[in-house]
PDB file of all heavy atoms in Angstrom:
ATOM      1  N   PHE A   1     -73.604 -40.481-195.029  1.00  0.00           N
ATOM      2  CA  PHE A   1     -73.318 -39.126-194.539  1.00  0.00           C
ATOM      3  C   PHE A   1     -72.832 -38.225-195.670  1.00  0.00           C
ATOM      4  O   PHE A   1     -73.261 -37.068-195.780  1.00  0.00           O
ATOM      5  CB  PHE A   1     -72.286 -39.182-193.417  1.00  0.00           C
ATOM      6  CG  PHE A   1     -71.871 -37.840-192.889  1.00  0.00           C
ATOM      7  CD1 PHE A   1     -72.699 -37.130-192.028  1.00  0.00           C
ATOM      8  CD2 PHE A   1     -70.665 -37.273-193.281  1.00  0.00           C
ATOM      9  CE1 PHE A   1     -72.326 -35.881-191.559  1.00  0.00           C
ATOM     10  CE2 PHE A   1     -70.287 -36.029-192.811  1.00  0.00           C
ATOM     11  CZ  PHE A   1     -71.113 -35.326-191.950  1.00  0.00           C
ATOM     12  N   GLN A   2     -71.920 -38.750-196.506  1.00  0.00           N
ATOM     13  CA  GLN A   2     -71.420 -37.967-197.631  1.00  0.00           C
ATOM     14  C   GLN A   2     -72.542 -37.629-198.608  1.00  0.00           C
ATOM     15  O   GLN A   2     -72.604 -36.519-199.138  1.00  0.00           O
ATOM     16  CB  GLN A   2     -70.302 -38.716-198.348  1.00  0.00           C
ATOM     17  CG  GLN A   2     -69.015 -38.854-197.545  1.00  0.00           C
ATOM     18  CD  GLN A   2     -67.974 -39.694-198.258  1.00  0.00           C
ATOM     19  OE1 GLN A   2     -68.244 -40.366-199.232  1.00  0.00           O
ATOM     20  NE2 GLN A   2     -66.744 -39.665-197.753  1.00  0.00           N
ATOM     21  N   THR A   3     -73.413 -38.593-198.849  1.00  0.00           N
ATOM     22  CA  THR A   3     -74.534 -38.357-199.752  1.00  0.00           C
ATOM     23  C   THR A   3     -75.489 -37.317-199.184  1.00  0.00           C
ATOM     24  O   THR A   3     -75.950 -36.415-199.891  1.00  0.00           O
ATOM     25  CB  THR A   3     -75.284 -39.670-200.023  1.00  0.00           C
ATOM     26  OG1 THR A   3     -74.376 -40.641-200.540  1.00  0.00           O
ATOM     27  CG2 THR A   3     -76.404 -39.451-201.029  1.00  0.00           C
ATOM     28  N   ALA A   4     -75.797 -37.428-197.880  1.00  0.00           N
ATOM     29  CA  ALA A   4     -76.708 -36.481-197.231  1.00  0.00           C
ATOM     30  C   ALA A   4     -76.147 -35.059-197.229  1.00  0.00           C
ATOM     31  O   ALA A   4     -76.895 -34.085-197.346  1.00  0.00           O
ATOM     32  CB  ALA A   4     -77.006 -36.937-195.808  1.00  0.00           C
ATOM     33  N   SER A   5     -74.822 -34.945-197.105  1.00  0.00           N
ATOM     34  CA  SER A   5     -74.199 -33.621-197.071  1.00  0.00           C
ATOM     35  C   SER A   5     -74.241 -32.909-198.418  1.00  0.00           C
ATOM     36  O   SER A   5     -74.093 -31.687-198.479  1.00  0.00           O
ATOM     37  CB  SER A   5     -72.747 -33.722-196.581  1.00  0.00           C
ATOM     38  OG  SER A   5     -71.966 -34.491-197.480  1.00  0.00           O
ATOM     39  N   THR A   6     -74.422 -33.662-199.492  1.00  0.00           N
ATOM     40  CA  THR A   6     -74.457 -33.068-200.828  1.00  0.00           C
ATOM     41  C   THR A   6     -75.867 -32.820-201.337  1.00  0.00           C
ATOM     42  O   THR A   6     -76.041 -32.298-202.439  1.00  0.00           O
ATOM     43  CB  THR A   6     -73.716 -33.967-201.837  1.00  0.00           C
ATOM     44  OG1 THR A   6     -74.353 -35.266-201.871  1.00  0.00           O
ATOM     45  CG2 THR A   6     -72.253 -34.142-201.437  1.00  0.00           C
ATOM     46  N   VAL A   7     -76.870 -33.195-200.555  1.00  0.00           N
ATOM     47  CA  VAL A   7     -78.258 -33.041-200.981  1.00  0.00           C
ATOM     48  C   VAL A   7     -78.658 -31.565-200.953  1.00  0.00           C
ATOM     49  O   VAL A   7     -78.464 -30.879-199.961  1.00  0.00           O
ATOM     50  CB  VAL A   7     -79.210 -33.873-200.098  1.00  0.00           C
ATOM     51  CG1 VAL A   7     -80.664 -33.595-200.484  1.00  0.00           C
ATOM     52  CG2 VAL A   7     -78.915 -35.352-200.258  1.00  0.00           C
ATOM     53  N   THR A   8     -79.219 -31.087-202.049  1.00  0.00           N
ATOM     54  CA  THR A   8     -79.750 -29.736-202.142  1.00  0.00           C
ATOM     55  C   THR A   8     -81.213 -29.800-202.557  1.00  0.00           C
ATOM     56  O   THR A   8     -81.752 -30.871-202.865  1.00  0.00           O
ATOM     57  CB  THR A   8     -78.948 -28.906-203.158  1.00  0.00           C
ATOM     58  OG1 THR A   8     -79.040 -29.540-204.457  1.00  0.00           O
ATOM     59  CG2 THR A   8     -77.472 -28.815-202.749  1.00  0.00           C
ATOM     60  N   ALA A   9     -81.838 -28.649-202.581  1.00  0.00           N
ATOM     61  CA  ALA A   9     -83.242 -28.603-202.981  1.00  0.00           C
ATOM     62  C   ALA A   9     -83.431 -29.068-204.424  1.00  0.00           C
ATOM     63  O   ALA A   9     -84.450 -29.668-204.771  1.00  0.00           O
ATOM     64  CB  ALA A   9     -83.781 -27.190-202.808  1.00  0.00           C
ATOM     65  N   GLU A  10     -82.433 -28.800-205.265  1.00  0.00           N
ATOM     66  CA  GLU A  10     -82.530 -29.190-206.669  1.00  0.00           C
ATOM     67  C   GLU A  10     -82.336 -30.693-206.860  1.00  0.00           C
ATOM     68  O   GLU A  10     -82.836 -31.272-207.839  1.00  0.00           O
ATOM     69  CB  GLU A  10     -81.488 -28.429-207.506  1.00  0.00           C
ATOM     70  CG  GLU A  10     -81.746 -26.931-207.635  1.00  0.00           C
ATOM     71  CD  GLU A  10     -81.330 -26.172-206.399  1.00  0.00           C
ATOM     72  OE1 GLU A  10     -80.617 -26.783-205.533  1.00  0.00           O
ATOM     73  OE2 GLU A  10     -81.691 -24.980-206.254  1.00  0.00           O
ATOM     74  N   SER A  11     -81.578 -31.328-205.949  1.00  0.00           N
ATOM     75  CA  SER A  11     -81.270 -32.740-206.130  1.00  0.00           C
ATOM     76  C   SER A  11     -82.197 -33.682-205.364  1.00  0.00           C
ATOM     77  O   SER A  11     -81.992 -34.889-205.392  1.00  0.00           O
ATOM     78  CB  SER A  11     -79.812 -33.013-205.695  1.00  0.00           C
ATOM     79  OG  SER A  11     -79.643 -32.751-204.303  1.00  0.00           O
ATOM     80  N   ILE A  12     -83.206 -33.131-204.669  1.00  0.00           N
ATOM     81  CA  ILE A  12     -84.118 -33.978-203.898  1.00  0.00           C
ATOM     82  C   ILE A  12     -84.867 -34.948-204.813  1.00  0.00           C
ATOM     83  O   ILE A  12     -85.026 -36.132-204.496  1.00  0.00           O
ATOM     84  CB  ILE A  12     -85.102 -33.116-203.084  1.00  0.00           C
ATOM     85  CG1 ILE A  12     -84.361 -32.397-201.949  1.00  0.00           C
ATOM     86  CG2 ILE A  12     -86.220 -33.988-202.502  1.00  0.00           C
ATOM     87  CD1 ILE A  12     -85.251 -31.516-201.100  1.00  0.00           C
ATOM     88  N   SER A  13     -85.344 -34.448-205.953  1.00  0.00           N
ATOM     89  CA  SER A  13     -86.073 -35.319-206.884  1.00  0.00           C
ATOM     90  C   SER A  13     -85.183 -36.445-207.395  1.00  0.00           C
ATOM     91  O   SER A  13     -85.638 -37.593-207.528  1.00  0.00           O
ATOM     92  CB  SER A  13     -86.609 -34.507-208.058  1.00  0.00           C
ATOM     93  OG  SER A  13     -85.543 -33.855-208.755  1.00  0.00           O
ATOM     94  N   SER A  14     -83.893 -36.129-207.668  1.00  0.00           N
ATOM     95  CA  SER A  14     -82.955 -37.164-208.116  1.00  0.00           C
ATOM     96  C   SER A  14     -82.727 -38.197-207.027  1.00  0.00           C
ATOM     97  O   SER A  14     -82.631 -39.402-207.296  1.00  0.00           O
ATOM     98  CB  SER A  14     -81.620 -36.535-208.529  1.00  0.00           C
ATOM     99  OG  SER A  14     -81.786 -35.656-209.617  1.00  0.00           O
ATOM    100  N   MET A  15     -82.649 -37.749-205.767  1.00  0.00           N
ATOM    101  CA  MET A  15     -82.448 -38.662-204.658  1.00  0.00           C
ATOM    102  C   MET A  15     -83.650 -39.575-204.459  1.00  0.00           C
ATOM    103  O   MET A  15     -83.497 -40.760-204.157  1.00  0.00           O
ATOM    104  CB  MET A  15     -82.161 -37.880-203.382  1.00  0.00           C
ATOM    105  CG  MET A  15     -80.823 -37.153-203.375  1.00  0.00           C
ATOM    106  SD  MET A  15     -79.437 -38.316-203.511  1.00  0.00           S
ATOM    107  CE  MET A  15     -79.695 -39.316-202.060  1.00  0.00           C
ATOM    108  N   ILE A  16     -84.859 -39.007-204.624  1.00  0.00           N
ATOM    109  CA  ILE A  16     -86.063 -39.832-204.508  1.00  0.00           C
ATOM    110  C   ILE A  16     -86.091 -40.889-205.613  1.00  0.00           C
ATOM    111  O   ILE A  16     -86.419 -42.055-205.370  1.00  0.00           O
ATOM    112  CB  ILE A  16     -87.327 -38.948-204.567  1.00  0.00           C
ATOM    113  CG1 ILE A  16     -87.398 -38.028-203.338  1.00  0.00           C
ATOM    114  CG2 ILE A  16     -88.580 -39.812-204.644  1.00  0.00           C
ATOM    115  CD1 ILE A  16     -88.533 -37.029-203.384  1.00  0.00           C
ATOM    116  N   LEU A  17     -85.733 -40.465-206.831  1.00  0.00           N
ATOM    117  CA  LEU A  17     -85.655 -41.407-207.942  1.00  0.00           C
ATOM    118  C   LEU A  17     -84.632 -42.501-207.663  1.00  0.00           C
ATOM    119  O   LEU A  17     -84.883 -43.685-207.902  1.00  0.00           O
ATOM    120  CB  LEU A  17     -85.298 -40.671-209.231  1.00  0.00           C
ATOM    121  CG  LEU A  17     -85.051 -41.546-210.482  1.00  0.00           C
ATOM    122  CD1 LEU A  17     -86.334 -42.304-210.860  1.00  0.00           C
ATOM    123  CD2 LEU A  17     -84.561 -40.695-211.648  1.00  0.00           C
ATOM    124  N   PHE A  18     -83.485 -42.080-207.140  1.00  0.00           N
ATOM    125  CA  PHE A  18     -82.448 -43.060-206.820  1.00  0.00           C
ATOM    126  C   PHE A  18     -82.908 -44.017-205.724  1.00  0.00           C
ATOM    127  O   PHE A  18     -82.623 -45.219-205.772  1.00  0.00           O
ATOM    128  CB  PHE A  18     -81.166 -42.356-206.375  1.00  0.00           C
ATOM    129  CG  PHE A  18     -80.104 -43.308-205.912  1.00  0.00           C
ATOM    130  CD1 PHE A  18     -79.329 -43.994-206.819  1.00  0.00           C
ATOM    131  CD2 PHE A  18     -79.892 -43.523-204.557  1.00  0.00           C
ATOM    132  CE1 PHE A  18     -78.366 -44.894-206.386  1.00  0.00           C
ATOM    133  CE2 PHE A  18     -78.922 -44.413-204.126  1.00  0.00           C
ATOM    134  CZ  PHE A  18     -78.158 -45.090-205.049  1.00  0.00           C
ATOM    135  N   GLY A  19     -83.632 -43.506-204.720  1.00  0.00           N
ATOM    136  CA  GLY A  19     -84.143 -44.357-203.660  1.00  0.00           C
ATOM    137  C   GLY A  19     -85.089 -45.425-204.198  1.00  0.00           C
ATOM    138  O   GLY A  19     -85.045 -46.581-203.781  1.00  0.00           O
ATOM    139  N   GLY A  20     -85.966 -45.017-205.144  1.00  0.00           N
ATOM    140  CA  GLY A  20     -86.861 -45.992-205.761  1.00  0.00           C
ATOM    141  C   GLY A  20     -86.104 -47.042-206.553  1.00  0.00           C
ATOM    142  O   GLY A  20     -86.422 -48.240-206.486  1.00  0.00           O
ATOM    143  N   VAL A  21     -85.089 -46.595-207.308  1.00  0.00           N
ATOM    144  CA  VAL A  21     -84.277 -47.540-208.079  1.00  0.00           C
ATOM    145  C   VAL A  21     -83.520 -48.486-207.146  1.00  0.00           C
ATOM    146  O   VAL A  21     -83.375 -49.679-207.432  1.00  0.00           O
ATOM    147  CB  VAL A  21     -83.296 -46.773-208.997  1.00  0.00           C
ATOM    148  CG1 VAL A  21     -82.334 -47.743-209.681  1.00  0.00           C
ATOM    149  CG2 VAL A  21     -84.054 -45.974-210.034  1.00  0.00           C
ATOM    150  N   ALA A  22     -83.035 -47.963-206.015  1.00  0.00           N
ATOM    151  CA  ALA A  22     -82.308 -48.789-205.048  1.00  0.00           C
ATOM    152  C   ALA A  22     -83.188 -49.909-204.500  1.00  0.00           C
ATOM    153  O   ALA A  22     -82.735 -51.044-204.342  1.00  0.00           O
ATOM    154  CB  ALA A  22     -81.778 -47.921-203.906  1.00  0.00           C
ATOM    155  N   LEU A  23     -84.465 -49.582-204.215  1.00  0.00           N
ATOM    156  CA  LEU A  23     -85.392 -50.613-203.740  1.00  0.00           C
ATOM    157  C   LEU A  23     -85.612 -51.683-204.801  1.00  0.00           C
ATOM    158  O   LEU A  23     -85.681 -52.880-204.483  1.00  0.00           O
ATOM    159  CB  LEU A  23     -86.724 -49.972-203.346  1.00  0.00           C
ATOM    160  CG  LEU A  23     -86.709 -49.067-202.103  1.00  0.00           C
ATOM    161  CD1 LEU A  23     -88.073 -48.418-201.896  1.00  0.00           C
ATOM    162  CD2 LEU A  23     -86.305 -49.861-200.856  1.00  0.00           C
ATOM    163  N   VAL A  24     -85.709 -51.266-206.063  1.00  0.00           N
ATOM    164  CA  VAL A  24     -85.871 -52.221-207.158  1.00  0.00           C
ATOM    165  C   VAL A  24     -84.636 -53.113-207.267  1.00  0.00           C
ATOM    166  O   VAL A  24     -84.740 -54.329-207.487  1.00  0.00           O
ATOM    167  CB  VAL A  24     -86.123 -51.479-208.488  1.00  0.00           C
ATOM    168  CG1 VAL A  24     -86.127 -52.455-209.660  1.00  0.00           C
ATOM    169  CG2 VAL A  24     -87.441 -50.724-208.432  1.00  0.00           C
ATOM    170  N   VAL A  25     -83.444 -52.515-207.101  1.00  0.00           N
ATOM    171  CA  VAL A  25     -82.199 -53.282-207.171  1.00  0.00           C
ATOM    172  C   VAL A  25     -82.134 -54.315-206.051  1.00  0.00           C
ATOM    173  O   VAL A  25     -81.755 -55.472-206.272  1.00  0.00           O
ATOM    174  CB  VAL A  25     -80.982 -52.342-207.108  1.00  0.00           C
ATOM    175  CG1 VAL A  25     -79.692 -53.133-206.916  1.00  0.00           C
ATOM    176  CG2 VAL A  25     -80.887 -51.508-208.375  1.00  0.00           C
ATOM    177  N   ILE A  26     -82.512 -53.914-204.841  1.00  0.00           N
ATOM    178  CA  ILE A  26     -82.502 -54.843-203.715  1.00  0.00           C
ATOM    179  C   ILE A  26     -83.471 -55.999-203.960  1.00  0.00           C
ATOM    180  O   ILE A  26     -83.145 -57.167-203.744  1.00  0.00           O
ATOM    181  CB  ILE A  26     -82.848 -54.104-202.407  1.00  0.00           C
ATOM    182  CG1 ILE A  26     -81.748 -53.096-202.065  1.00  0.00           C
ATOM    183  CG2 ILE A  26     -83.026 -55.095-201.253  1.00  0.00           C
ATOM    184  CD1 ILE A  26     -82.093 -52.204-200.894  1.00  0.00           C
ATOM    185  N   PHE A  27     -84.680 -55.653-204.434  1.00  0.00           N
ATOM    186  CA  PHE A  27     -85.661 -56.695-204.743  1.00  0.00           C
ATOM    187  C   PHE A  27     -85.134 -57.634-205.831  1.00  0.00           C
ATOM    188  O   PHE A  27     -85.271 -58.857-205.737  1.00  0.00           O
ATOM    189  CB  PHE A  27     -86.973 -56.047-205.197  1.00  0.00           C
ATOM    190  CG  PHE A  27     -88.002 -57.039-205.683  1.00  0.00           C
ATOM    191  CD1 PHE A  27     -88.770 -57.769-204.791  1.00  0.00           C
ATOM    192  CD2 PHE A  27     -88.185 -57.249-207.048  1.00  0.00           C
ATOM    193  CE1 PHE A  27     -89.711 -58.686-205.240  1.00  0.00           C
ATOM    194  CE2 PHE A  27     -89.121 -58.171-207.508  1.00  0.00           C
ATOM    195  CZ  PHE A  27     -89.886 -58.881-206.603  1.00  0.00           C
ATOM    196  N   GLY A  28     -84.512 -57.048-206.869  1.00  0.00           N
ATOM    197  CA  GLY A  28     -83.965 -57.859-207.955  1.00  0.00           C
ATOM    198  C   GLY A  28     -82.841 -58.765-207.488  1.00  0.00           C
ATOM    199  O   GLY A  28     -82.746 -59.917-207.917  1.00  0.00           O
ATOM    200  N   ALA A  29     -81.985 -58.249-206.594  1.00  0.00           N
ATOM    201  CA  ALA A  29     -80.882 -59.049-206.076  1.00  0.00           C
ATOM    202  C   ALA A  29     -81.397 -60.239-205.281  1.00  0.00           C
ATOM    203  O   ALA A  29     -80.896 -61.370-205.430  1.00  0.00           O
ATOM    204  CB  ALA A  29     -79.963 -58.180-205.208  1.00  0.00           C
ATOM    205  N   VAL A  30     -82.406 -60.014-204.440  1.00  0.00           N
ATOM    206  CA  VAL A  30     -82.993 -61.107-203.662  1.00  0.00           C
ATOM    207  C   VAL A  30     -83.669 -62.118-204.583  1.00  0.00           C
ATOM    208  O   VAL A  30     -83.511 -63.335-204.436  1.00  0.00           O
ATOM    209  CB  VAL A  30     -83.991 -60.558-202.625  1.00  0.00           C
ATOM    210  CG1 VAL A  30     -84.685 -61.709-201.905  1.00  0.00           C
ATOM    211  CG2 VAL A  30     -83.287 -59.660-201.620  1.00  0.00           C
ATOM    212  N   PHE A  31     -84.426 -61.604-205.566  1.00  0.00           N
ATOM    213  CA  PHE A  31     -85.151 -62.478-206.489  1.00  0.00           C
ATOM    214  C   PHE A  31     -84.203 -63.349-207.300  1.00  0.00           C
ATOM    215  O   PHE A  31     -84.411 -64.565-207.432  1.00  0.00           O
ATOM    216  CB  PHE A  31     -86.022 -61.632-207.421  1.00  0.00           C
ATOM    217  CG  PHE A  31     -86.775 -62.431-208.449  1.00  0.00           C
ATOM    218  CD1 PHE A  31     -87.935 -63.111-208.111  1.00  0.00           C
ATOM    219  CD2 PHE A  31     -86.313 -62.516-209.759  1.00  0.00           C
ATOM    220  CE1 PHE A  31     -88.630 -63.855-209.064  1.00  0.00           C
ATOM    221  CE2 PHE A  31     -86.993 -63.262-210.707  1.00  0.00           C
ATOM    222  CZ  PHE A  31     -88.154 -63.929-210.360  1.00  0.00           C
ATOM    223  N   MET A  32     -83.130 -62.755-207.839  1.00  0.00           N
ATOM    224  CA  MET A  32     -82.200 -63.505-208.668  1.00  0.00           C
ATOM    225  C   MET A  32     -81.385 -64.505-207.860  1.00  0.00           C
ATOM    226  O   MET A  32     -81.009 -65.570-208.349  1.00  0.00           O
ATOM    227  CB  MET A  32     -81.264 -62.557-209.410  1.00  0.00           C
ATOM    228  CG  MET A  32     -81.949 -61.707-210.459  1.00  0.00           C
ATOM    229  SD  MET A  32     -82.725 -62.677-211.777  1.00  0.00           S
ATOM    230  CE  MET A  32     -81.289 -63.337-212.597  1.00  0.00           C
TER     231      MET A  32
END
């Protein structure tokens, strides 16, 4: 909720990038 409340039009690309990195982190955590 806190993250969603701070999202602006300028930060959407950063959030998408972070979402992709988060998926990689989850995959890496499961793999390791």
